[in-house]
Structure formats: C-alpha cells, structure tokens
Amino acid sequence: RDVAAVCEQRVREVPSDLRSTFVLGRICVRLAGERATDQEQLLLRAETALNRVLEFSSSHVEAWYWLGAAFVLAGRDHDARTIVEVLEPLDGGRSLDLDLLRRNAASRSTTA
C-alpha cells in the first residue's frame, strides 16, 4: 500500500492524529507535482488535510509551506502570496522558499 493510503486510513481511524494528517497533505502535494491526471483531486485532498492541521496548530510552519505549494501547483497565485505573508513572521527562510517556488511557477507559465 502507498503511504498516502496508509495516512488516510490512520486519519480515518484517529482523526486527532495531526502528524498523519500533515504527512497526508504533504504527500498529496508531492504527488500532484508528479502527476497530471489526478492533480486537481490530489491538491484538494492536500488542502483539506493541511487546513485541518492549521486549525489545531496555526504556527505549523511546514503545513503553511505545503499549503502554499499546493496553491502554487493549482495556479492560485494570490492565495500562495497570502501564505508567503503568513510565513514571513513564523519562518523567514520558508517564506523565501515558497516565494521563490511561486515566482518560478509564474515565470514558467509566462514563457510557456
């Protein structure tokens, strides 16, 4: 079984397991970056999982980063910029990482 399925099962069994919820969100973003066929569904799963983590831990830097990365992949630049602003006071380095990811995606879409 794949890791996403294991995490999903764990989240169903123990909804309070934020670590598994976070890992599920991160895995879905990574898979969405690799697959074109079910990208939209994966990004929706990622957004749902990461938002759940952030409901309970609003300072979870990595959850913010991966949510921003999901927005970048979905072409939601405004939302990704908002995440950059949220990340700035929490972790300036991750904020810069996400902003670079966002800018690179924007430049690829304008040259395509």
Protein backbone atom coordinates (compact mmCIF):
# COMPACT_ATOMS: atom_id res chain seq x y z
CA ARG A 1 0.00 0.00 0.00
CA ASP A 2 1.16 3.50 -0.68
CA VAL A 3 1.99 5.95 2.08
CA ALA A 4 -0.95 8.25 1.24
CA ALA A 5 -3.40 5.37 1.68
CA VAL A 6 -1.82 4.41 5.00
CA CYS A 7 -2.04 8.02 6.21
CA GLU A 8 -5.64 8.33 5.04
CA GLN A 9 -6.58 5.17 6.91
CA ARG A 10 -4.79 6.41 10.03
CA VAL A 11 -6.59 9.78 9.81
CA ARG A 12 -9.95 8.00 9.48
CA GLU A 13 -9.17 5.82 12.49
CA VAL A 14 -7.65 8.59 14.62
CA PRO A 15 -8.87 12.00 13.38
CA SER A 16 -6.82 13.75 16.06
CA ASP A 17 -3.54 12.41 14.62
CA LEU A 18 -2.23 15.67 13.18
CA ARG A 19 1.12 14.16 12.21
CA SER A 20 -0.54 11.67 9.86
CA THR A 21 -2.85 14.43 8.60
CA PHE A 22 0.17 16.63 7.84
CA VAL A 23 2.06 13.80 6.12
CA LEU A 24 -1.03 13.05 4.03
CA GLY A 25 -1.23 16.68 2.91
CA ARG A 26 2.48 16.85 2.07
CA ILE A 27 2.38 13.58 0.14
CA CYS A 28 -0.65 14.72 -1.88
CA VAL A 29 1.17 17.94 -2.86
CA ARG A 30 4.24 15.99 -3.93
CA LEU A 31 2.17 13.51 -5.92
CA ALA A 32 0.25 16.37 -7.56
CA GLY A 33 3.56 17.80 -8.73
CA GLU A 34 4.44 14.49 -10.35
CA ARG A 35 1.06 13.55 -11.87
CA ALA A 36 -1.10 15.42 -14.30
CA THR A 37 -4.02 13.01 -14.38
CA ASP A 38 -5.43 13.40 -10.87
CA GLN A 39 -3.66 16.61 -9.85
CA GLU A 40 -6.84 18.54 -9.00
CA GLN A 41 -8.12 15.80 -6.70
CA LEU A 42 -4.73 15.44 -5.00
CA LEU A 43 -4.49 19.18 -4.41
CA LEU A 44 -7.97 19.24 -2.92
CA ARG A 45 -7.03 16.38 -0.56
CA ALA A 46 -3.84 18.22 0.36
CA GLU A 47 -5.64 21.49 1.04
CA THR A 48 -8.22 19.74 3.22
CA ALA A 49 -5.59 17.89 5.26
CA LEU A 50 -3.27 20.87 5.69
CA ASN A 51 -6.10 23.21 6.67
CA ARG A 52 -7.11 20.67 9.32
CA VAL A 53 -3.59 20.73 10.75
CA LEU A 54 -3.61 24.53 10.75
CA GLU A 55 -6.97 24.61 12.58
CA PHE A 56 -5.22 22.99 15.54
CA SER A 57 -1.72 24.42 15.11
CA SER A 58 -1.74 27.79 13.37
CA SER A 59 2.03 28.17 13.74
CA HIS A 60 2.86 24.88 11.95
CA VAL A 61 5.41 26.29 9.50
CA GLU A 62 5.62 23.21 7.30
CA ALA A 63 1.84 22.95 6.99
CA TRP A 64 1.75 26.58 5.82
CA TYR A 65 4.59 25.94 3.37
CA TRP A 66 2.99 22.85 1.82
CA LEU A 67 -0.41 24.55 1.64
CA GLY A 68 1.28 27.38 -0.25
CA ALA A 69 2.97 24.86 -2.54
CA ALA A 70 -0.44 23.31 -3.24
CA PHE A 71 -1.75 26.75 -4.17
CA VAL A 72 1.23 27.27 -6.49
CA LEU A 73 0.55 23.97 -8.26
CA ALA A 74 -3.14 24.85 -8.54
CA GLY A 75 -2.28 28.19 -10.14
CA ARG A 76 -3.70 30.11 -7.18
CA ASP A 77 -1.01 32.79 -7.05
CA HIS A 78 -2.97 35.22 -4.88
CA ASP A 79 -3.50 32.52 -2.25
CA ALA A 80 0.16 31.49 -2.45
CA ARG A 81 1.24 35.12 -1.91
CA THR A 82 -1.01 35.28 1.15
CA ILE A 83 0.74 32.20 2.56
CA VAL A 84 4.13 33.85 1.91
CA GLU A 85 2.95 36.76 4.07
CA VAL A 86 1.72 34.42 6.82
CA LEU A 87 5.01 32.51 6.81
CA GLU A 88 7.23 35.61 6.97
CA PRO A 89 6.94 36.21 10.74
CA LEU A 90 6.89 32.47 11.51
CA ASP A 91 9.93 31.47 9.46
CA GLY A 92 11.51 33.91 7.04
CA GLY A 93 13.52 31.17 5.34
CA ARG A 94 10.50 29.06 4.46
CA SER A 95 8.69 32.22 3.36
CA LEU A 96 11.52 32.93 0.92
CA ASP A 97 11.48 29.30 -0.27
CA LEU A 98 7.77 29.49 -1.03
CA ASP A 99 8.07 32.88 -2.70
CA LEU A 100 10.84 31.51 -4.94
CA LEU A 101 8.67 28.49 -5.81
CA ARG A 102 5.77 30.86 -6.60
CA ARG A 103 7.93 33.14 -8.77
CA ASN A 104 9.45 30.22 -10.67
CA ALA A 105 6.00 28.82 -11.38
CA ALA A 106 4.83 32.24 -12.57
CA SER A 107 7.82 32.66 -14.87
CA ARG A 108 7.32 29.17 -16.35
CA SER A 109 3.66 29.93 -17.09
CA THR A 110 4.51 33.22 -18.85
CA THR A 111 7.18 31.59 -21.03
CA ALA A 112 5.04 28.58 -21.94
